[in-house]
Amino acid sequence: MEFKNIITIEPGKRGGKPCIRGVRITVYDVLEYLASGMTEEEILRDFPYLTREDILASLGAN
């Protein structure tokens, strides 16, 4: 999987933290949701603009 197409860094967005495809959800946010016990399905339901590939990229980018 090409993380560079999913994980983006923009200096003016979210303090330059790695984000998912340019949206305002950071890799850290996704990892925090998973660590708090949310399932992949719950994350996808709560954030319908995210994909399974986004979650996998977040795990791989860690």
N, C-alpha and C. Protein backbone atom coordinates (compact mmCIF):
# COMPACT_ATOMS: atom_id res chain seq x y z
N MET A 1 0.84 -1.18 0.00
CA MET A 1 0.00 0.00 0.00
C MET A 1 0.89 1.24 0.00
N GLU A 2 0.55 2.20 -0.83
CA GLU A 2 1.30 3.45 -0.92
C GLU A 2 0.77 4.46 0.09
N PHE A 3 1.43 4.57 1.22
CA PHE A 3 0.99 5.50 2.26
C PHE A 3 1.08 6.95 1.81
N LYS A 4 2.00 7.25 0.91
CA LYS A 4 2.21 8.63 0.50
C LYS A 4 0.98 9.20 -0.21
N ASN A 5 0.12 8.34 -0.73
CA ASN A 5 -1.11 8.79 -1.35
C ASN A 5 -2.24 8.97 -0.33
N ILE A 6 -2.06 8.47 0.87
CA ILE A 6 -3.09 8.53 1.90
C ILE A 6 -2.69 9.47 3.03
N ILE A 7 -1.47 9.36 3.51
CA ILE A 7 -0.99 10.19 4.62
C ILE A 7 -0.36 11.45 4.04
N THR A 8 -0.92 12.59 4.41
CA THR A 8 -0.41 13.87 3.89
C THR A 8 0.02 14.77 5.04
N ILE A 9 0.97 15.64 4.75
CA ILE A 9 1.43 16.62 5.73
C ILE A 9 1.37 17.99 5.07
N GLU A 10 0.58 18.87 5.66
CA GLU A 10 0.46 20.24 5.17
C GLU A 10 0.77 21.17 6.33
N PRO A 11 1.78 22.02 6.21
CA PRO A 11 2.21 22.87 7.32
C PRO A 11 1.09 23.66 8.00
N GLY A 12 0.11 24.15 7.26
CA GLY A 12 -0.94 24.96 7.85
C GLY A 12 -2.14 24.19 8.36
N LYS A 13 -2.13 22.88 8.22
CA LYS A 13 -3.28 22.07 8.62
C LYS A 13 -2.93 21.19 9.82
N ARG A 14 -3.70 21.35 10.89
CA ARG A 14 -3.53 20.57 12.12
C ARG A 14 -2.09 20.61 12.63
N GLY A 15 -1.48 21.78 12.52
CA GLY A 15 -0.13 21.97 13.05
C GLY A 15 0.94 21.17 12.32
N GLY A 16 0.67 20.79 11.08
CA GLY A 16 1.65 20.04 10.32
C GLY A 16 1.69 18.56 10.65
N LYS A 17 0.73 18.08 11.45
CA LYS A 17 0.68 16.65 11.79
C LYS A 17 0.22 15.85 10.58
N PRO A 18 0.66 14.59 10.48
CA PRO A 18 0.22 13.74 9.37
C PRO A 18 -1.30 13.55 9.41
N CYS A 19 -1.95 13.84 8.29
CA CYS A 19 -3.40 13.72 8.17
C CYS A 19 -3.77 12.66 7.14
N ILE A 20 -5.03 12.28 7.17
CA ILE A 20 -5.54 11.31 6.22
C ILE A 20 -6.05 12.05 4.99
N ARG A 21 -5.45 11.81 3.84
CA ARG A 21 -5.85 12.37 2.54
C ARG A 21 -6.21 13.85 2.59
N GLY A 22 -5.54 14.61 3.41
CA GLY A 22 -5.76 16.05 3.43
C GLY A 22 -6.95 16.51 4.25
N VAL A 23 -7.75 15.58 4.78
CA VAL A 23 -8.86 15.99 5.65
C VAL A 23 -8.30 16.31 7.03
N ARG A 24 -9.11 16.81 7.91
CA ARG A 24 -8.62 17.27 9.20
C ARG A 24 -8.59 16.17 10.26
N ILE A 25 -8.52 14.93 9.85
CA ILE A 25 -8.36 13.79 10.76
C ILE A 25 -6.89 13.37 10.69
N THR A 26 -6.22 13.38 11.84
CA THR A 26 -4.81 13.01 11.85
C THR A 26 -4.63 11.51 12.05
N VAL A 27 -3.45 11.05 11.71
CA VAL A 27 -3.08 9.66 11.99
C VAL A 27 -3.21 9.41 13.49
N TYR A 28 -2.77 10.38 14.29
CA TYR A 28 -2.87 10.24 15.74
C TYR A 28 -4.34 10.07 16.17
N ASP A 29 -5.27 10.82 15.56
CA ASP A 29 -6.69 10.69 15.89
C ASP A 29 -7.16 9.26 15.67
N VAL A 30 -6.83 8.70 14.50
CA VAL A 30 -7.27 7.34 14.17
C VAL A 30 -6.67 6.35 15.17
N LEU A 31 -5.39 6.50 15.48
CA LEU A 31 -4.76 5.58 16.43
C LEU A 31 -5.37 5.72 17.82
N GLU A 32 -5.72 6.94 18.20
CA GLU A 32 -6.34 7.17 19.50
C GLU A 32 -7.72 6.51 19.56
N TYR A 33 -8.49 6.61 18.48
CA TYR A 33 -9.80 5.95 18.45
C TYR A 33 -9.65 4.45 18.61
N LEU A 34 -8.71 3.86 17.90
CA LEU A 34 -8.48 2.42 18.02
C LEU A 34 -8.02 2.05 19.42
N ALA A 35 -7.12 2.83 19.99
CA ALA A 35 -6.59 2.54 21.33
C ALA A 35 -7.68 2.66 22.40
N SER A 36 -8.66 3.52 22.15
CA SER A 36 -9.73 3.70 23.14
C SER A 36 -10.77 2.59 23.06
N GLY A 37 -10.63 1.71 22.06
CA GLY A 37 -11.53 0.57 21.97
C GLY A 37 -12.52 0.63 20.82
N MET A 38 -12.50 1.71 20.03
CA MET A 38 -13.40 1.76 18.88
C MET A 38 -12.98 0.70 17.87
N THR A 39 -13.96 0.08 17.26
CA THR A 39 -13.66 -0.88 16.21
C THR A 39 -13.51 -0.13 14.89
N GLU A 40 -12.95 -0.82 13.92
CA GLU A 40 -12.82 -0.24 12.59
C GLU A 40 -14.19 0.16 12.05
N GLU A 41 -15.19 -0.70 12.27
CA GLU A 41 -16.54 -0.43 11.79
C GLU A 41 -17.12 0.82 12.45
N GLU A 42 -16.87 1.01 13.75
CA GLU A 42 -17.36 2.21 14.44
C GLU A 42 -16.71 3.48 13.89
N ILE A 43 -15.42 3.41 13.63
CA ILE A 43 -14.72 4.57 13.08
C ILE A 43 -15.28 4.91 11.70
N LEU A 44 -15.48 3.89 10.86
CA LEU A 44 -16.00 4.12 9.52
C LEU A 44 -17.43 4.65 9.56
N ARG A 45 -18.21 4.23 10.54
CA ARG A 45 -19.57 4.72 10.68
C ARG A 45 -19.58 6.18 11.14
N ASP A 46 -18.71 6.49 12.12
CA ASP A 46 -18.65 7.86 12.67
C ASP A 46 -17.99 8.85 11.70
N PHE A 47 -17.11 8.36 10.86
CA PHE A 47 -16.38 9.21 9.91
C PHE A 47 -16.51 8.59 8.52
N PRO A 48 -17.67 8.77 7.88
CA PRO A 48 -17.94 8.07 6.61
C PRO A 48 -17.01 8.44 5.46
N TYR A 49 -16.27 9.53 5.60
CA TYR A 49 -15.31 9.90 4.55
C TYR A 49 -14.00 9.16 4.69
N LEU A 50 -13.81 8.39 5.76
CA LEU A 50 -12.62 7.55 5.90
C LEU A 50 -12.89 6.19 5.28
N THR A 51 -11.82 5.51 4.90
CA THR A 51 -11.91 4.17 4.32
C THR A 51 -11.08 3.20 5.15
N ARG A 52 -11.28 1.92 4.91
CA ARG A 52 -10.46 0.90 5.58
C ARG A 52 -8.98 1.11 5.25
N GLU A 53 -8.70 1.52 4.01
CA GLU A 53 -7.32 1.76 3.60
C GLU A 53 -6.72 2.91 4.40
N ASP A 54 -7.53 3.91 4.74
CA ASP A 54 -7.05 5.02 5.57
C ASP A 54 -6.61 4.52 6.94
N ILE A 55 -7.43 3.64 7.51
CA ILE A 55 -7.11 3.09 8.84
C ILE A 55 -5.84 2.25 8.75
N LEU A 56 -5.75 1.41 7.73
CA LEU A 56 -4.55 0.58 7.57
C LEU A 56 -3.31 1.44 7.36
N ALA A 57 -3.45 2.50 6.59
CA ALA A 57 -2.31 3.40 6.37
C ALA A 57 -1.89 4.04 7.69
N SER A 58 -2.86 4.40 8.53
CA SER A 58 -2.55 5.00 9.83
C SER A 58 -1.77 4.02 10.70
N LEU A 59 -2.14 2.77 10.65
CA LEU A 59 -1.42 1.76 11.43
C LEU A 59 -0.02 1.55 10.89
N GLY A 60 0.12 1.58 9.58
CA GLY A 60 1.43 1.40 8.97
C GLY A 60 2.33 2.61 9.09
N ALA A 61 1.73 3.76 9.25
CA ALA A 61 2.51 5.00 9.34
C ALA A 61 3.03 5.24 10.74
N ASN A 62 2.59 4.44 11.66
CA ASN A 62 2.97 4.61 13.05
C ASN A 62 4.41 4.21 13.27
